[in-house]
N, C-alpha and C. Protein backbone atom coordinates (compact mmCIF):
# COMPACT_ATOMS: atom_id res chain seq x y z
N MET A 1 -9.43 -24.00 -34.62
CA MET A 1 -9.56 -22.86 -34.64
C MET A 1 -9.00 -21.99 -33.40
N LYS A 2 -9.36 -22.68 -32.25
CA LYS A 2 -9.07 -21.81 -30.95
C LYS A 2 -7.56 -22.18 -30.88
N ARG A 3 -6.85 -23.19 -30.94
CA ARG A 3 -5.57 -23.67 -30.95
C ARG A 3 -4.57 -22.64 -31.78
N LEU A 4 -5.25 -22.38 -33.05
CA LEU A 4 -4.58 -21.56 -33.72
C LEU A 4 -4.50 -20.21 -33.29
N ILE A 5 -5.42 -19.64 -32.76
CA ILE A 5 -5.85 -18.43 -32.15
C ILE A 5 -4.62 -18.29 -31.09
N LEU A 6 -4.59 -19.16 -30.23
CA LEU A 6 -4.24 -19.24 -28.98
C LEU A 6 -2.73 -19.35 -29.16
N MET A 7 -2.13 -20.15 -30.08
CA MET A 7 -0.63 -20.15 -30.53
C MET A 7 -0.52 -18.70 -31.18
N ALA A 8 -0.89 -18.41 -31.81
CA ALA A 8 -0.76 -17.02 -32.54
C ALA A 8 -0.44 -16.05 -31.17
N ALA A 9 -1.42 -15.91 -30.38
CA ALA A 9 -1.19 -14.90 -29.30
C ALA A 9 0.04 -15.21 -28.53
N ALA A 10 0.32 -16.40 -28.17
CA ALA A 10 1.52 -16.81 -27.53
C ALA A 10 2.99 -16.51 -28.26
N ILE A 11 2.62 -16.80 -29.58
CA ILE A 11 4.13 -16.38 -30.25
C ILE A 11 4.02 -14.98 -30.37
N LEU A 12 2.97 -14.16 -30.60
CA LEU A 12 3.11 -12.71 -30.39
C LEU A 12 3.63 -11.84 -29.12
N THR A 13 2.92 -12.39 -28.03
CA THR A 13 3.38 -12.08 -26.84
C THR A 13 4.81 -12.35 -26.56
N ALA A 14 5.21 -13.47 -26.86
CA ALA A 14 6.65 -13.80 -26.56
C ALA A 14 7.58 -13.11 -27.37
N GLY A 15 7.08 -12.73 -28.76
CA GLY A 15 7.74 -11.90 -29.48
C GLY A 15 8.10 -10.27 -28.71
N ILE A 16 6.86 -9.97 -28.31
CA ILE A 16 6.85 -8.54 -27.55
C ILE A 16 7.74 -8.61 -26.39
N VAL A 17 7.43 -9.66 -25.58
CA VAL A 17 8.48 -9.59 -24.13
C VAL A 17 10.03 -9.73 -24.28
N SER A 18 10.35 -10.82 -25.66
CA SER A 18 11.83 -10.83 -25.92
C SER A 18 12.08 -9.41 -26.53
N ALA A 19 11.48 -8.66 -27.06
CA ALA A 19 12.13 -7.78 -27.80
C ALA A 19 12.46 -6.54 -26.72
N GLN A 20 11.62 -6.51 -25.59
CA GLN A 20 12.09 -5.63 -24.49
C GLN A 20 13.57 -5.75 -24.03
N ASN A 21 14.29 -4.60 -23.77
CA ASN A 21 15.48 -4.84 -23.09
C ASN A 21 15.24 -4.22 -21.59
N TYR A 22 15.51 -5.10 -20.71
CA TYR A 22 15.30 -4.81 -19.28
C TYR A 22 16.51 -5.14 -18.45
N ILE A 23 16.89 -4.43 -17.14
CA ILE A 23 17.63 -4.62 -16.38
C ILE A 23 17.14 -4.84 -14.99
N ILE A 24 17.79 -5.59 -13.95
CA ILE A 24 17.12 -5.70 -12.76
C ILE A 24 18.39 -5.04 -11.76
N VAL A 25 17.69 -4.14 -10.76
CA VAL A 25 18.76 -3.71 -9.89
C VAL A 25 18.24 -3.93 -8.74
N ASN A 26 19.04 -4.14 -7.52
CA ASN A 26 18.82 -4.15 -5.92
C ASN A 26 18.78 -2.88 -5.26
N SER A 27 17.56 -2.16 -5.15
CA SER A 27 17.54 -0.62 -4.88
C SER A 27 18.24 -0.70 -3.49
N GLU A 28 17.67 -1.69 -2.48
CA GLU A 28 18.32 -1.79 -1.09
C GLU A 28 19.73 -1.77 -1.00
N LYS A 29 20.32 -2.46 -1.98
CA LYS A 29 21.89 -2.48 -1.83
C LYS A 29 22.54 -1.21 -2.48
N ILE A 30 21.97 -0.77 -3.21
CA ILE A 30 22.17 0.68 -3.77
C ILE A 30 22.30 1.63 -2.74
N PHE A 31 21.16 1.52 -2.00
CA PHE A 31 20.87 2.74 -0.95
C PHE A 31 22.15 2.40 0.05
N LYS A 32 22.33 1.19 0.50
CA LYS A 32 23.48 0.84 1.60
C LYS A 32 24.71 1.03 1.10
N SER A 33 24.83 1.15 -0.25
CA SER A 33 26.15 1.87 -0.69
C SER A 33 26.58 3.29 -0.63
N VAL A 34 25.52 4.07 -0.19
CA VAL A 34 25.71 5.48 -0.15
C VAL A 34 25.84 6.05 1.34
N ASP A 35 27.01 6.55 1.57
CA ASP A 35 27.28 6.88 2.74
C ASP A 35 26.51 7.90 3.14
N ALA A 36 25.85 8.71 2.39
CA ALA A 36 25.04 9.88 3.01
C ALA A 36 23.72 9.05 3.11
N TYR A 37 23.25 8.40 2.88
CA TYR A 37 21.89 7.52 2.87
C TYR A 37 22.22 6.76 4.56
N ASN A 38 23.32 6.14 4.71
CA ASN A 38 23.74 5.56 5.90
C ASN A 38 23.81 6.41 7.18
N THR A 39 24.31 7.49 6.70
CA THR A 39 24.41 8.66 7.89
C THR A 39 22.93 9.19 8.29
N ALA A 40 22.05 9.36 7.22
CA ALA A 40 20.76 9.91 7.37
C ALA A 40 19.95 8.74 8.17
N ILE A 41 20.15 7.44 7.93
CA ILE A 41 19.30 6.35 8.75
C ILE A 41 19.84 6.18 10.19
N GLU A 42 21.10 6.46 10.15
CA GLU A 42 21.54 6.53 11.69
C GLU A 42 21.08 7.72 12.52
N GLN A 43 21.08 8.78 11.89
CA GLN A 43 20.72 10.03 12.69
C GLN A 43 19.26 9.95 12.90
N LEU A 44 18.68 9.33 11.99
CA LEU A 44 17.03 9.10 12.18
C LEU A 44 16.76 8.31 13.27
N ASP A 45 17.64 7.09 13.22
CA ASP A 45 17.53 6.02 14.39
C ASP A 45 17.74 6.84 15.65
N SER A 46 18.75 7.24 15.62
CA SER A 46 19.20 7.98 17.15
C SER A 46 17.91 9.23 17.41
N LEU A 47 17.28 9.63 16.40
CA LEU A 47 16.23 10.78 16.97
C LEU A 47 15.10 9.79 17.24
N ALA A 48 14.97 8.87 16.76
CA ALA A 48 13.67 7.95 17.24
C ALA A 48 13.94 7.42 18.43
N LYS A 49 15.12 7.31 18.95
CA LYS A 49 15.20 6.61 20.12
C LYS A 49 15.36 7.86 21.35
N GLN A 50 15.75 8.92 20.99
CA GLN A 50 15.38 10.18 21.65
C GLN A 50 13.92 10.20 21.97
N TYR A 51 13.19 10.30 20.79
CA TYR A 51 11.69 10.68 21.05
C TYR A 51 10.83 9.64 21.69
N GLN A 52 11.38 8.24 21.65
CA GLN A 52 10.60 7.21 22.08
C GLN A 52 10.82 7.45 23.94
N GLY A 53 12.14 7.88 23.96
CA GLY A 53 12.52 8.21 25.53
C GLY A 53 11.44 9.28 25.99
N GLN A 54 11.02 10.06 25.13
CA GLN A 54 10.41 11.20 25.62
C GLN A 54 9.10 10.99 25.79
N VAL A 55 8.69 9.98 24.89
CA VAL A 55 7.04 9.44 24.95
C VAL A 55 6.82 8.60 26.20
N ASP A 56 7.90 7.79 26.37
CA ASP A 56 7.80 6.91 27.25
C ASP A 56 7.93 7.41 28.80
N ALA A 57 8.57 8.71 28.89
CA ALA A 57 8.44 9.47 30.17
C ALA A 57 6.94 9.96 30.30
N LYS A 58 6.46 10.36 29.15
CA LYS A 58 4.98 10.82 29.51
C LYS A 58 4.13 9.87 29.88
N PHE A 59 4.27 8.77 29.45
CA PHE A 59 3.50 7.36 29.56
C PHE A 59 3.91 7.01 31.13
N ALA A 60 5.07 6.81 31.22
CA ALA A 60 5.40 6.47 32.83
C ALA A 60 4.77 7.49 34.03
N GLU A 61 4.80 8.91 33.45
CA GLU A 61 4.25 9.96 34.18
C GLU A 61 2.57 9.58 34.62
N VAL A 62 2.01 8.87 33.41
CA VAL A 62 0.63 8.55 33.46
C VAL A 62 0.49 7.47 34.37
N GLU A 63 1.12 6.34 34.24
CA GLU A 63 1.29 5.39 34.96
C GLU A 63 1.29 5.57 36.61
N THR A 64 2.40 6.44 36.73
CA THR A 64 2.58 6.97 38.09
C THR A 64 1.33 7.61 38.69
N LEU A 65 0.48 8.61 38.05
CA LEU A 65 -0.52 8.99 38.36
C LEU A 65 -1.61 8.08 38.54
N TYR A 66 -1.92 6.90 37.84
CA TYR A 66 -2.42 6.19 38.03
C TYR A 66 -2.29 5.07 39.28
N ASN A 67 -1.16 4.81 39.48
CA ASN A 67 -0.83 3.80 40.64
C ASN A 67 -1.25 4.61 41.73
N ASN A 68 -0.99 5.91 41.88
CA ASN A 68 -0.88 6.77 43.25
C ASN A 68 -2.49 6.68 43.41
N TYR A 69 -3.18 7.10 42.08
CA TYR A 69 -4.91 7.03 42.52
C TYR A 69 -5.31 5.58 43.11
N GLN A 70 -4.85 4.63 42.40
CA GLN A 70 -5.28 3.19 42.88
C GLN A 70 -5.02 2.90 44.50
N TYR A 71 -3.91 3.53 44.80
CA TYR A 71 -3.52 3.59 46.45
C TYR A 71 -4.38 4.41 47.17
N GLN A 72 -4.73 5.69 46.74
CA GLN A 72 -5.57 6.24 47.43
C GLN A 72 -7.06 6.40 47.29
N LYS A 73 -7.39 5.67 46.23
CA LYS A 73 -8.84 5.55 45.95
C LYS A 73 -9.70 5.46 47.12
N ALA A 74 -9.55 4.51 47.66
CA ALA A 74 -10.39 4.33 49.03
C ALA A 74 -10.65 5.29 49.83
N SER A 75 -9.60 6.22 49.94
CA SER A 75 -9.81 7.33 50.90
C SER A 75 -10.31 8.51 50.12
N LEU A 76 -10.65 8.74 49.11
CA LEU A 76 -11.35 9.76 48.23
C LEU A 76 -12.73 9.91 48.32
N SER A 77 -12.98 10.86 48.07
CA SER A 77 -14.58 11.06 47.97
C SER A 77 -14.86 10.72 46.41
N SER A 78 -16.13 10.56 46.16
CA SER A 78 -16.49 10.41 44.65
C SER A 78 -16.26 11.59 43.75
N ALA A 79 -16.05 12.73 44.39
CA ALA A 79 -16.03 14.13 43.56
C ALA A 79 -14.47 14.02 43.21
N ALA A 80 -13.70 13.73 44.22
CA ALA A 80 -12.07 13.74 44.12
C ALA A 80 -11.56 12.47 43.36
N ARG A 81 -12.48 11.25 43.26
CA ARG A 81 -11.98 10.34 42.56
C ARG A 81 -12.24 10.70 41.01
N GLN A 82 -13.62 11.27 40.67
CA GLN A 82 -13.72 11.53 39.32
C GLN A 82 -12.97 12.51 38.73
N ALA A 83 -12.39 13.66 39.62
CA ALA A 83 -11.24 14.86 39.30
C ALA A 83 -10.33 13.98 38.82
N ARG A 84 -9.49 13.09 39.71
CA ARG A 84 -8.39 12.39 39.60
C ARG A 84 -8.43 11.34 38.28
N GLU A 85 -9.58 10.83 37.96
CA GLU A 85 -9.85 10.11 36.97
C GLU A 85 -9.82 11.18 35.69
N ASN A 86 -10.26 11.94 35.65
CA ASN A 86 -10.19 12.97 34.51
C ASN A 86 -8.86 13.55 34.21
N GLU A 87 -8.17 13.79 35.33
CA GLU A 87 -6.93 14.14 35.17
C GLU A 87 -6.07 13.17 34.55
N ILE A 88 -5.85 11.89 35.02
CA ILE A 88 -5.36 10.74 34.72
C ILE A 88 -5.78 10.59 32.92
N LEU A 89 -7.21 10.69 32.55
CA LEU A 89 -7.52 10.44 31.23
C LEU A 89 -6.90 11.65 30.57
N ALA A 90 -6.88 12.96 31.19
CA ALA A 90 -6.31 13.75 29.97
C ALA A 90 -4.77 13.83 29.93
N LYS A 91 -3.98 13.56 31.03
CA LYS A 91 -2.69 13.34 30.71
C LYS A 91 -2.18 11.92 29.67
N GLU A 92 -3.21 10.99 29.85
CA GLU A 92 -3.01 9.93 28.71
C GLU A 92 -3.18 10.15 27.33
N LYS A 93 -4.47 10.94 26.96
CA LYS A 93 -4.60 11.66 25.91
C LYS A 93 -3.43 12.58 25.57
N GLU A 94 -3.06 13.23 26.26
CA GLU A 94 -1.77 14.36 26.24
C GLU A 94 -0.79 13.46 25.53
N ALA A 95 -0.37 12.45 26.18
CA ALA A 95 0.89 11.69 25.94
C ALA A 95 0.55 10.89 24.53
N GLN A 96 -0.61 10.53 24.28
CA GLN A 96 -1.03 9.72 23.14
C GLN A 96 -1.01 10.81 21.83
N GLN A 97 -1.37 11.87 22.07
CA GLN A 97 -1.39 12.84 21.06
C GLN A 97 0.33 13.35 20.77
N TYR A 98 0.81 13.64 21.72
CA TYR A 98 2.17 13.83 21.65
C TYR A 98 3.19 12.74 20.97
N GLN A 99 2.83 11.45 21.22
CA GLN A 99 3.38 10.47 20.42
C GLN A 99 2.90 10.50 18.96
N GLU A 100 1.74 10.63 18.62
CA GLU A 100 1.20 10.93 17.27
C GLU A 100 2.01 11.96 16.84
N SER A 101 2.28 13.38 17.63
CA SER A 101 2.88 14.16 16.82
C SER A 101 4.38 14.20 16.49
N LEU A 102 4.97 12.86 17.15
CA LEU A 102 6.48 12.72 16.88
C LEU A 102 6.53 11.51 15.79
N PHE A 103 5.50 10.62 16.00
CA PHE A 103 5.55 9.28 15.34
C PHE A 103 4.57 9.06 14.16
N GLY A 104 3.67 10.08 14.05
CA GLY A 104 2.41 9.83 13.06
C GLY A 104 3.03 9.97 11.54
N LYS A 105 1.79 10.02 10.88
CA LYS A 105 2.14 10.26 9.42
C LYS A 105 2.52 11.52 8.91
N GLU A 106 2.12 12.40 9.92
CA GLU A 106 2.39 13.96 9.79
C GLU A 106 3.30 14.46 10.82
N GLY A 107 3.89 13.43 11.40
CA GLY A 107 4.95 13.76 12.89
C GLY A 107 6.24 14.01 12.36
N THR A 108 6.74 14.59 13.29
CA THR A 108 8.04 15.29 13.26
C THR A 108 9.33 14.49 12.78
N LEU A 109 9.31 13.00 12.95
CA LEU A 109 10.06 12.17 12.38
C LEU A 109 9.79 11.68 11.06
N MET A 110 8.82 11.58 10.61
CA MET A 110 8.41 11.63 9.29
C MET A 110 8.82 12.78 8.24
N LYS A 111 8.50 14.08 8.78
CA LYS A 111 9.02 15.06 8.34
C LYS A 111 10.47 15.04 8.03
N THR A 112 11.20 14.71 9.03
CA THR A 112 12.58 15.02 9.02
C THR A 112 13.16 13.85 7.88
N ARG A 113 12.38 12.58 8.30
CA ARG A 113 12.87 11.46 7.27
C ARG A 113 12.77 11.88 5.70
N ILE A 114 11.90 12.53 5.52
CA ILE A 114 11.46 12.98 4.32
C ILE A 114 12.53 13.99 3.89
N LYS A 115 12.95 14.94 4.57
CA LYS A 115 13.66 16.02 4.19
C LYS A 115 15.21 15.22 4.27
N MET A 116 15.48 14.27 5.15
CA MET A 116 16.74 13.88 4.93
C MET A 116 16.95 12.87 3.76
N ILE A 117 15.89 11.98 3.55
CA ILE A 117 15.99 10.95 2.56
C ILE A 117 15.70 11.27 0.85
N THR A 118 14.77 12.05 0.96
CA THR A 118 14.32 12.56 -0.59
C THR A 118 15.41 12.68 -1.39
N PRO A 119 16.19 13.79 -1.12
CA PRO A 119 17.50 14.14 -1.88
C PRO A 119 18.10 12.97 -2.43
N ILE A 120 18.52 11.81 -1.52
CA ILE A 120 19.29 10.74 -1.80
C ILE A 120 18.51 10.01 -2.78
N GLN A 121 17.18 9.83 -2.58
CA GLN A 121 16.50 8.91 -3.13
C GLN A 121 16.34 9.72 -4.67
N LYS A 122 16.41 11.03 -4.93
CA LYS A 122 16.15 11.52 -5.90
C LYS A 122 17.29 11.56 -6.80
N GLU A 123 18.66 11.51 -6.30
CA GLU A 123 20.04 11.18 -6.80
C GLU A 123 20.07 9.80 -7.39
N VAL A 124 19.66 8.75 -6.24
CA VAL A 124 20.02 7.40 -6.70
C VAL A 124 18.88 6.92 -8.00
N PHE A 125 17.77 7.52 -7.87
CA PHE A 125 16.78 7.18 -9.00
C PHE A 125 17.20 7.65 -10.33
N ALA A 126 17.63 9.02 -10.27
CA ALA A 126 18.22 9.59 -11.42
C ALA A 126 19.45 8.89 -11.96
N ARG A 127 20.44 8.24 -10.89
CA ARG A 127 21.46 7.37 -11.79
C ARG A 127 21.07 6.09 -12.43
N ILE A 128 19.94 5.76 -11.57
CA ILE A 128 19.41 4.23 -12.44
C ILE A 128 18.80 4.59 -13.47
N GLU A 129 18.07 5.78 -13.76
CA GLU A 129 17.44 6.32 -14.97
C GLU A 129 18.72 6.47 -15.90
N ALA A 130 19.36 7.41 -15.56
CA ALA A 130 20.79 7.45 -16.56
C ALA A 130 21.27 6.35 -16.97
N TYR A 131 21.73 5.20 -16.05
CA TYR A 131 22.13 4.07 -16.48
C TYR A 131 21.52 3.20 -17.44
N ALA A 132 19.98 2.96 -17.11
CA ALA A 132 19.00 2.34 -18.20
C ALA A 132 19.22 3.10 -19.48
N LYS A 133 19.20 4.46 -19.62
CA LYS A 133 19.34 5.11 -20.95
C LYS A 133 20.70 4.78 -21.39
N GLU A 134 21.57 5.10 -20.51
CA GLU A 134 22.94 4.52 -21.35
C GLU A 134 22.80 2.94 -22.16
N VAL A 135 22.55 2.06 -21.46
CA VAL A 135 22.49 0.65 -21.94
C VAL A 135 21.32 0.52 -22.71
N GLY A 136 20.27 1.32 -22.99
CA GLY A 136 19.32 1.08 -23.89
C GLY A 136 18.20 0.40 -23.06
N ALA A 137 18.04 0.30 -21.89
CA ALA A 137 17.02 -0.95 -21.31
C ALA A 137 15.47 0.16 -21.33
N ASP A 138 14.64 -0.64 -21.70
CA ASP A 138 13.40 -0.13 -21.72
C ASP A 138 12.61 -0.46 -20.46
N LEU A 139 12.96 -1.15 -19.43
CA LEU A 139 12.41 -1.46 -18.27
C LEU A 139 13.51 -1.76 -17.09
N VAL A 140 13.21 -1.17 -15.87
CA VAL A 140 14.01 -1.35 -15.03
C VAL A 140 13.26 -2.14 -13.66
N LEU A 141 13.53 -3.29 -13.16
CA LEU A 141 12.90 -3.82 -12.01
C LEU A 141 13.80 -3.81 -10.68
N ASP A 142 13.26 -3.71 -9.73
CA ASP A 142 13.81 -4.01 -8.32
C ASP A 142 13.63 -5.11 -7.77
N SER A 143 14.62 -5.73 -7.46
CA SER A 143 14.66 -6.89 -6.75
C SER A 143 14.69 -6.89 -5.24
N SER A 144 14.87 -5.72 -4.72
CA SER A 144 14.97 -5.81 -3.22
C SER A 144 13.66 -5.99 -2.60
N ASN A 145 12.76 -5.62 -2.70
CA ASN A 145 11.32 -5.91 -2.03
C ASN A 145 10.20 -6.21 -2.95
N ASN A 146 10.21 -7.00 -3.96
CA ASN A 146 9.31 -7.22 -4.93
C ASN A 146 9.22 -9.00 -4.63
N PRO A 147 7.85 -9.21 -3.85
CA PRO A 147 7.77 -10.84 -3.48
C PRO A 147 7.35 -11.41 -4.68
N THR A 148 7.06 -10.70 -5.79
CA THR A 148 6.77 -11.47 -6.89
C THR A 148 7.85 -11.94 -8.00
N LEU A 149 9.04 -11.46 -7.68
CA LEU A 149 10.09 -11.73 -8.72
C LEU A 149 10.81 -13.22 -8.02
N LEU A 150 10.49 -14.17 -9.03
CA LEU A 150 10.75 -15.54 -8.29
C LEU A 150 12.31 -15.61 -9.06
N TYR A 151 12.64 -15.29 -10.23
CA TYR A 151 13.97 -15.61 -10.54
C TYR A 151 14.38 -14.35 -11.61
N ASN A 152 15.75 -14.34 -11.41
CA ASN A 152 16.35 -13.38 -12.58
C ASN A 152 17.61 -13.96 -12.90
N ASN A 153 17.92 -13.71 -14.19
CA ASN A 153 19.06 -14.33 -14.73
C ASN A 153 20.50 -13.24 -14.08
N PRO A 154 21.39 -13.75 -13.59
CA PRO A 154 22.50 -12.94 -13.14
C PRO A 154 23.03 -11.88 -14.08
N THR A 155 22.85 -12.08 -15.58
CA THR A 155 23.29 -11.53 -16.45
C THR A 155 22.42 -10.18 -16.58
N VAL A 156 21.47 -10.02 -16.21
CA VAL A 156 20.84 -8.80 -16.47
C VAL A 156 20.63 -8.01 -15.03
N GLU A 157 21.27 -8.42 -13.89
CA GLU A 157 21.48 -7.72 -12.57
C GLU A 157 22.64 -6.61 -12.84
N ARG A 158 22.08 -5.61 -12.74
CA ARG A 158 23.20 -4.53 -12.79
C ARG A 158 22.93 -3.51 -11.49
N THR A 159 23.13 -3.96 -10.38
CA THR A 159 23.29 -3.26 -9.01
C THR A 159 24.51 -2.73 -8.98
N GLN A 160 25.52 -3.45 -9.38
CA GLN A 160 27.24 -3.07 -8.95
C GLN A 160 27.17 -1.91 -10.01
N GLN A 161 26.73 -2.05 -11.32
CA GLN A 161 27.12 -1.11 -12.26
C GLN A 161 26.31 0.23 -11.46
N VAL A 162 25.33 0.44 -11.27
CA VAL A 162 24.66 1.64 -10.63
C VAL A 162 25.38 2.12 -9.41
N ILE A 163 25.91 1.08 -8.69
CA ILE A 163 26.89 1.66 -7.47
C ILE A 163 28.06 2.33 -8.06
N ASP A 164 28.73 1.77 -8.97
CA ASP A 164 29.92 2.30 -9.54
C ASP A 164 29.38 3.58 -10.04
N LEU A 165 28.32 3.75 -10.92
CA LEU A 165 28.08 5.23 -11.47
C LEU A 165 27.70 6.30 -10.29
N LEU A 166 27.22 5.70 -9.33
CA LEU A 166 27.01 6.81 -8.02
C LEU A 166 28.15 7.21 -7.57
N LYS A 167 29.26 6.23 -7.46
CA LYS A 167 30.37 6.47 -6.79
C LYS A 167 31.40 7.42 -7.76
N GLN A 168 31.04 7.62 -8.81
CA GLN A 168 31.83 8.33 -9.86
C GLN A 168 31.71 9.88 -9.82
N LYS A 169 30.38 10.17 -8.91
CA LYS A 169 30.34 11.83 -9.06
C LYS A 169 31.28 12.19 -8.67
């Protein structure tokens, strides 16, 4: 009886899975084919380097203060030492807050990234959806960052068709 139930379940599952029409796309390859995306990424990388230089300068200032303090520590009174240590700690905290304001989850770079990339993503995803509807696909799988995709038949790979559709605009 158990075998009969298991066999019926397997046949039913196989029938449901085979009835679905699906396609596979590589979103990373699609995004890299969009000039606006590549330009935005280059601008973001350049901005990140600029911001990193500013953050490095703030931390270099902290390091200089600390090195000067270490050099002069022996000749300072305990009150002067405490004041210098507090100054160094305050500068370090300021540098960390500045770094967070640029690179954090709510930082300037992330806000700029969202502002630049979101419209491109919306367009690409809309084109993928339009293509899927055009070919009657029930499901679209992304093969670019999915570590559980172990195999895909090249006949269901539709990345190039989506790229072509994007270029038709």
